[in-house]
């Protein structure tokens, strides 16, 4: 008989929030097509090159931020609801770290990819369509490394935060699973 799972519920709530953020993010880029973003995101995506960072960030956000967060709830449901084991002590703290670090990490990494990819791809487009006509070197110097420490460094930091959260979750899962 299945019992309720506190942690599965928390991860489902996180997935719903991530889904709402994904919807708002998507609407921003789509509504931007109607005129307030120049150049339009569709041009940046179609042009490729630096704009590929946008595509990778967006797709990764949907997969890891929304879908993986929801799927993670199944792991917690199995431990708490099916096996009837509770997250207590250090395992409970690790689950909190999993929830917080994973969600902060995925938003930070993927949204920076999208922003940097849009800015870089937009700068490479011709001025006639709203770009700057920059080459790849100019984009790397002025966009990707134009912020303190550069986009790639911050993206890597957030990926490490995400990975630390997933590691904590896995460790808490093993601790709880092995409890008598």
C-alpha atoms as a PDB file:
ATOM      1  CA  UNK A   1       0.000   0.000   0.000  1.00  0.00           C
ATOM      2  CA  UNK A   2       1.368   3.379  -0.988  1.00  0.00           C
ATOM      3  CA  UNK A   3       1.805   6.133   1.626  1.00  0.00           C
ATOM      4  CA  UNK A   4       2.194   9.829   1.076  1.00  0.00           C
ATOM      5  CA  UNK A   5       5.649  11.211   0.417  1.00  0.00           C
ATOM      6  CA  UNK A   6       6.640  14.597   1.790  1.00  0.00           C
ATOM      7  CA  UNK A   7       9.686  14.853  -0.442  1.00  0.00           C
ATOM      8  CA  UNK A   8       7.881  13.735  -3.589  1.00  0.00           C
ATOM      9  CA  UNK A   9       5.340  16.496  -2.940  1.00  0.00           C
ATOM     10  CA  UNK A  10       8.105  19.072  -2.532  1.00  0.00           C
ATOM     11  CA  UNK A  11       9.736  18.063  -5.798  1.00  0.00           C
ATOM     12  CA  UNK A  12       6.383  18.106  -7.612  1.00  0.00           C
ATOM     13  CA  UNK A  13       5.789  21.638  -6.302  1.00  0.00           C
ATOM     14  CA  UNK A  14       9.291  22.589  -7.502  1.00  0.00           C
ATOM     15  CA  UNK A  15       8.511  21.084 -10.931  1.00  0.00           C
ATOM     16  CA  UNK A  16       5.280  23.093 -11.108  1.00  0.00           C
ATOM     17  CA  UNK A  17       7.191  26.270 -10.254  1.00  0.00           C
ATOM     18  CA  UNK A  18       9.847  25.413 -12.843  1.00  0.00           C
ATOM     19  CA  UNK A  19       7.073  24.779 -15.380  1.00  0.00           C
ATOM     20  CA  UNK A  20       5.579  28.197 -14.627  1.00  0.00           C
ATOM     21  CA  UNK A  21       9.011  29.793 -15.037  1.00  0.00           C
ATOM     22  CA  UNK A  22       9.467  27.920 -18.330  1.00  0.00           C
ATOM     23  CA  UNK A  23       6.108  29.220 -19.522  1.00  0.00           C
ATOM     24  CA  UNK A  24       6.974  32.812 -18.559  1.00  0.00           C
ATOM     25  CA  UNK A  25      10.396  32.452 -20.184  1.00  0.00           C
ATOM     26  CA  UNK A  26       8.869  31.088 -23.383  1.00  0.00           C
ATOM     27  CA  UNK A  27       6.245  33.828 -23.480  1.00  0.00           C
ATOM     28  CA  UNK A  28       8.963  36.480 -23.086  1.00  0.00           C
ATOM     29  CA  UNK A  29      10.847  35.204 -26.129  1.00  0.00           C
ATOM     30  CA  UNK A  30       7.697  34.586 -28.201  1.00  0.00           C
ATOM     31  CA  UNK A  31       6.124  37.956 -27.401  1.00  0.00           C
ATOM     32  CA  UNK A  32       9.519  39.492 -28.192  1.00  0.00           C
ATOM     33  CA  UNK A  33       8.947  38.303 -31.739  1.00  0.00           C
ATOM     34  CA  UNK A  34       6.162  40.883 -31.949  1.00  0.00           C
ATOM     35  CA  UNK A  35       8.576  43.763 -31.796  1.00  0.00           C
ATOM     36  CA  UNK A  36      10.198  44.557 -28.455  1.00  0.00           C
ATOM     37  CA  UNK A  37      13.214  42.292 -29.061  1.00  0.00           C
ATOM     38  CA  UNK A  38      15.406  43.332 -31.937  1.00  0.00           C
ATOM     39  CA  UNK A  39      16.752  41.206 -33.396  1.00  0.00           C
ATOM     40  CA  UNK A  40      14.116  38.587 -32.846  1.00  0.00           C
ATOM     41  CA  UNK A  41      15.075  35.372 -31.084  1.00  0.00           C
ATOM     42  CA  UNK A  42      14.048  33.363 -34.164  1.00  0.00           C
ATOM     43  CA  UNK A  43      16.815  35.078 -36.157  1.00  0.00           C
ATOM     44  CA  UNK A  44      19.350  34.359 -33.419  1.00  0.00           C
ATOM     45  CA  UNK A  45      18.359  30.680 -33.314  1.00  0.00           C
ATOM     46  CA  UNK A  46      18.320  30.332 -37.118  1.00  0.00           C
ATOM     47  CA  UNK A  47      21.735  31.983 -37.459  1.00  0.00           C
ATOM     48  CA  UNK A  48      23.339  29.441 -35.137  1.00  0.00           C
ATOM     49  CA  UNK A  49      26.908  30.118 -34.004  1.00  0.00           C
ATOM     50  CA  UNK A  50      26.831  31.951 -30.632  1.00  0.00           C
ATOM     51  CA  UNK A  51      23.024  31.712 -30.694  1.00  0.00           C
ATOM     52  CA  UNK A  52      23.380  27.958 -30.235  1.00  0.00           C
ATOM     53  CA  UNK A  53      24.034  28.692 -26.553  1.00  0.00           C
ATOM     54  CA  UNK A  54      20.471  30.002 -26.385  1.00  0.00           C
ATOM     55  CA  UNK A  55      19.065  26.791 -27.866  1.00  0.00           C
ATOM     56  CA  UNK A  56      21.145  24.558 -25.605  1.00  0.00           C
ATOM     57  CA  UNK A  57      20.184  26.564 -22.521  1.00  0.00           C
ATOM     58  CA  UNK A  58      16.485  26.575 -23.361  1.00  0.00           C
ATOM     59  CA  UNK A  59      16.331  22.858 -24.147  1.00  0.00           C
ATOM     60  CA  UNK A  60      18.389  21.912 -21.096  1.00  0.00           C
ATOM     61  CA  UNK A  61      16.158  24.038 -18.875  1.00  0.00           C
ATOM     62  CA  UNK A  62      13.038  22.239 -20.087  1.00  0.00           C
ATOM     63  CA  UNK A  63      14.635  18.808 -19.635  1.00  0.00           C
ATOM     64  CA  UNK A  64      16.480  19.293 -16.342  1.00  0.00           C
ATOM     65  CA  UNK A  65      14.556  22.164 -14.782  1.00  0.00           C
ATOM     66  CA  UNK A  66      11.066  20.882 -15.444  1.00  0.00           C
ATOM     67  CA  UNK A  67      11.067  17.206 -16.440  1.00  0.00           C
ATOM     68  CA  UNK A  68      13.966  15.939 -14.299  1.00  0.00           C
ATOM     69  CA  UNK A  69      12.641  17.782 -11.252  1.00  0.00           C
ATOM     70  CA  UNK A  70       9.282  16.047 -11.663  1.00  0.00           C
ATOM     71  CA  UNK A  71      10.893  12.657 -12.305  1.00  0.00           C
ATOM     72  CA  UNK A  72      13.033  13.079  -9.181  1.00  0.00           C
ATOM     73  CA  UNK A  73       9.796  13.074  -7.190  1.00  0.00           C
ATOM     74  CA  UNK A  74       9.387   9.415  -8.211  1.00  0.00           C
ATOM     75  CA  UNK A  75      12.605   8.466  -6.421  1.00  0.00           C
ATOM     76  CA  UNK A  76      11.410  10.114  -3.230  1.00  0.00           C
ATOM     77  CA  UNK A  77       7.961   8.550  -3.621  1.00  0.00           C
ATOM     78  CA  UNK A  78       9.525   5.111  -3.922  1.00  0.00           C
ATOM     79  CA  UNK A  79      11.540   5.491  -0.705  1.00  0.00           C
ATOM     80  CA  UNK A  80       8.816   7.178   1.363  1.00  0.00           C
ATOM     81  CA  UNK A  81       5.604   5.960  -0.209  1.00  0.00           C
ATOM     82  CA  UNK A  82       6.443   2.446  -1.364  1.00  0.00           C
ATOM     83  CA  UNK A  83       9.177   1.364   1.054  1.00  0.00           C
ATOM     84  CA  UNK A  84       7.691   3.387   3.922  1.00  0.00           C
ATOM     85  CA  UNK A  85      11.019   4.890   5.002  1.00  0.00           C
ATOM     86  CA  UNK A  86      11.248   8.455   6.307  1.00  0.00           C
ATOM     87  CA  UNK A  87      13.910  11.001   5.605  1.00  0.00           C
ATOM     88  CA  UNK A  88      15.301  11.963   9.008  1.00  0.00           C
ATOM     89  CA  UNK A  89      18.491  13.488  10.350  1.00  0.00           C
ATOM     90  CA  UNK A  90      21.277  13.953   7.835  1.00  0.00           C
ATOM     91  CA  UNK A  91      19.218  12.384   5.018  1.00  0.00           C
ATOM     92  CA  UNK A  92      16.540  15.050   5.507  1.00  0.00           C
ATOM     93  CA  UNK A  93      19.194  17.788   5.335  1.00  0.00           C
ATOM     94  CA  UNK A  94      20.642  16.219   2.188  1.00  0.00           C
ATOM     95  CA  UNK A  95      17.168  16.151   0.601  1.00  0.00           C
ATOM     96  CA  UNK A  96      16.792  19.885   1.339  1.00  0.00           C
ATOM     97  CA  UNK A  97      20.181  20.523  -0.262  1.00  0.00           C
ATOM     98  CA  UNK A  98      19.103  18.431  -3.247  1.00  0.00           C
ATOM     99  CA  UNK A  99      15.930  20.448  -3.724  1.00  0.00           C
ATOM    100  CA  UNK A 100      17.515  23.871  -3.299  1.00  0.00           C
ATOM    101  CA  UNK A 101      20.858  23.399  -5.024  1.00  0.00           C
ATOM    102  CA  UNK A 102      19.449  21.479  -7.992  1.00  0.00           C
ATOM    103  CA  UNK A 103      16.804  24.108  -8.695  1.00  0.00           C
ATOM    104  CA  UNK A 104      19.077  27.124  -8.176  1.00  0.00           C
ATOM    105  CA  UNK A 105      21.811  25.499 -10.256  1.00  0.00           C
ATOM    106  CA  UNK A 106      19.631  24.638 -13.223  1.00  0.00           C
ATOM    107  CA  UNK A 107      18.013  28.084 -13.395  1.00  0.00           C
ATOM    108  CA  UNK A 108      21.355  29.853 -13.025  1.00  0.00           C
ATOM    109  CA  UNK A 109      23.212  27.787 -15.618  1.00  0.00           C
ATOM    110  CA  UNK A 110      20.538  27.528 -18.284  1.00  0.00           C
ATOM    111  CA  UNK A 111      19.203  31.061 -18.039  1.00  0.00           C
ATOM    112  CA  UNK A 112      22.736  32.449 -18.339  1.00  0.00           C
ATOM    113  CA  UNK A 113      23.193  30.225 -21.415  1.00  0.00           C
ATOM    114  CA  UNK A 114      20.007  31.665 -22.905  1.00  0.00           C
ATOM    115  CA  UNK A 115      20.894  35.291 -22.130  1.00  0.00           C
ATOM    116  CA  UNK A 116      24.498  34.984 -23.294  1.00  0.00           C
ATOM    117  CA  UNK A 117      23.464  33.004 -26.360  1.00  0.00           C
ATOM    118  CA  UNK A 118      20.845  35.571 -27.311  1.00  0.00           C
ATOM    119  CA  UNK A 119      23.227  38.504 -26.802  1.00  0.00           C
ATOM    120  CA  UNK A 120      26.078  36.789 -28.646  1.00  0.00           C
ATOM    121  CA  UNK A 121      23.924  35.536 -31.500  1.00  0.00           C
ATOM    122  CA  UNK A 122      22.204  38.901 -31.830  1.00  0.00           C
ATOM    123  CA  UNK A 123      25.552  40.704 -31.995  1.00  0.00           C
ATOM    124  CA  UNK A 124      26.673  38.444 -34.866  1.00  0.00           C
ATOM    125  CA  UNK A 125      23.654  39.241 -37.028  1.00  0.00           C
ATOM    126  CA  UNK A 126      23.946  41.981 -39.677  1.00  0.00           C
ATOM    127  CA  UNK A 127      23.010  45.544 -38.609  1.00  0.00           C
ATOM    128  CA  UNK A 128      20.181  45.510 -41.176  1.00  0.00           C
ATOM    129  CA  UNK A 129      18.220  43.103 -38.938  1.00  0.00           C
ATOM    130  CA  UNK A 130      19.225  44.619 -35.612  1.00  0.00           C
ATOM    131  CA  UNK A 131      22.589  42.967 -35.043  1.00  0.00           C
ATOM    132  CA  UNK A 132      26.060  44.461 -34.805  1.00  0.00           C
ATOM    133  CA  UNK A 133      27.789  42.400 -37.487  1.00  0.00           C
ATOM    134  CA  UNK A 134      30.415  41.158 -35.031  1.00  0.00           C
ATOM    135  CA  UNK A 135      32.607  38.133 -35.653  1.00  0.00           C
ATOM    136  CA  UNK A 136      33.102  35.286 -33.173  1.00  0.00           C
ATOM    137  CA  UNK A 137      36.160  36.865 -31.557  1.00  0.00           C
ATOM    138  CA  UNK A 138      34.329  40.130 -30.915  1.00  0.00           C
ATOM    139  CA  UNK A 139      31.414  38.237 -29.366  1.00  0.00           C
ATOM    140  CA  UNK A 140      33.691  36.218 -27.089  1.00  0.00           C
ATOM    141  CA  UNK A 141      35.533  39.331 -25.903  1.00  0.00           C
ATOM    142  CA  UNK A 142      32.559  41.697 -25.599  1.00  0.00           C
ATOM    143  CA  UNK A 143      29.660  39.404 -24.706  1.00  0.00           C
ATOM    144  CA  UNK A 144      30.743  36.065 -23.270  1.00  0.00           C
ATOM    145  CA  UNK A 145      33.597  37.613 -21.281  1.00  0.00           C
ATOM    146  CA  UNK A 146      32.076  41.098 -21.089  1.00  0.00           C
ATOM    147  CA  UNK A 147      30.680  40.468 -17.591  1.00  0.00           C
ATOM    148  CA  UNK A 148      32.915  39.890 -14.550  1.00  0.00           C
ATOM    149  CA  UNK A 149      34.510  36.416 -14.883  1.00  0.00           C
ATOM    150  CA  UNK A 150      32.492  35.805 -18.081  1.00  0.00           C
ATOM    151  CA  UNK A 151      29.358  33.781 -18.822  1.00  0.00           C
ATOM    152  CA  UNK A 152      31.190  30.427 -19.152  1.00  0.00           C
ATOM    153  CA  UNK A 153      32.641  30.744 -15.645  1.00  0.00           C
ATOM    154  CA  UNK A 154      29.268  31.541 -14.055  1.00  0.00           C
ATOM    155  CA  UNK A 155      27.569  28.797 -16.052  1.00  0.00           C
ATOM    156  CA  UNK A 156      30.174  26.317 -14.761  1.00  0.00           C
ATOM    157  CA  UNK A 157      29.654  27.544 -11.172  1.00  0.00           C
ATOM    158  CA  UNK A 158      25.907  26.956 -11.463  1.00  0.00           C
ATOM    159  CA  UNK A 159      26.453  23.528 -13.029  1.00  0.00           C
ATOM    160  CA  UNK A 160      28.625  22.605 -10.033  1.00  0.00           C
ATOM    161  CA  UNK A 161      25.856  23.856  -7.715  1.00  0.00           C
ATOM    162  CA  UNK A 162      23.328  21.694  -9.597  1.00  0.00           C
ATOM    163  CA  UNK A 163      25.659  18.675  -9.478  1.00  0.00           C
ATOM    164  CA  UNK A 164      26.280  19.167  -5.749  1.00  0.00           C
ATOM    165  CA  UNK A 165      22.515  19.139  -5.204  1.00  0.00           C
ATOM    166  CA  UNK A 166      22.075  15.946  -7.190  1.00  0.00           C
ATOM    167  CA  UNK A 167      24.990  14.338  -5.313  1.00  0.00           C
ATOM    168  CA  UNK A 168      23.421  15.300  -1.958  1.00  0.00           C
ATOM    169  CA  UNK A 169      20.097  13.850  -3.092  1.00  0.00           C
ATOM    170  CA  UNK A 170      21.710  10.593  -4.151  1.00  0.00           C
ATOM    171  CA  UNK A 171      23.599  10.317  -0.889  1.00  0.00           C
ATOM    172  CA  UNK A 172      20.441  10.987   1.137  1.00  0.00           C
ATOM    173  CA  UNK A 173      18.594   8.435  -0.970  1.00  0.00           C
ATOM    174  CA  UNK A 174      21.218   5.750  -0.257  1.00  0.00           C
ATOM    175  CA  UNK A 175      21.287   6.566   3.467  1.00  0.00           C
ATOM    176  CA  UNK A 176      17.502   6.323   3.738  1.00  0.00           C
ATOM    177  CA  UNK A 177      17.226   3.234   1.531  1.00  0.00           C
ATOM    178  CA  UNK A 178      19.761   1.307   3.619  1.00  0.00           C
ATOM    179  CA  UNK A 179      18.103   2.149   6.942  1.00  0.00           C
ATOM    180  CA  UNK A 180      16.348  -0.705   8.704  1.00  0.00           C
END
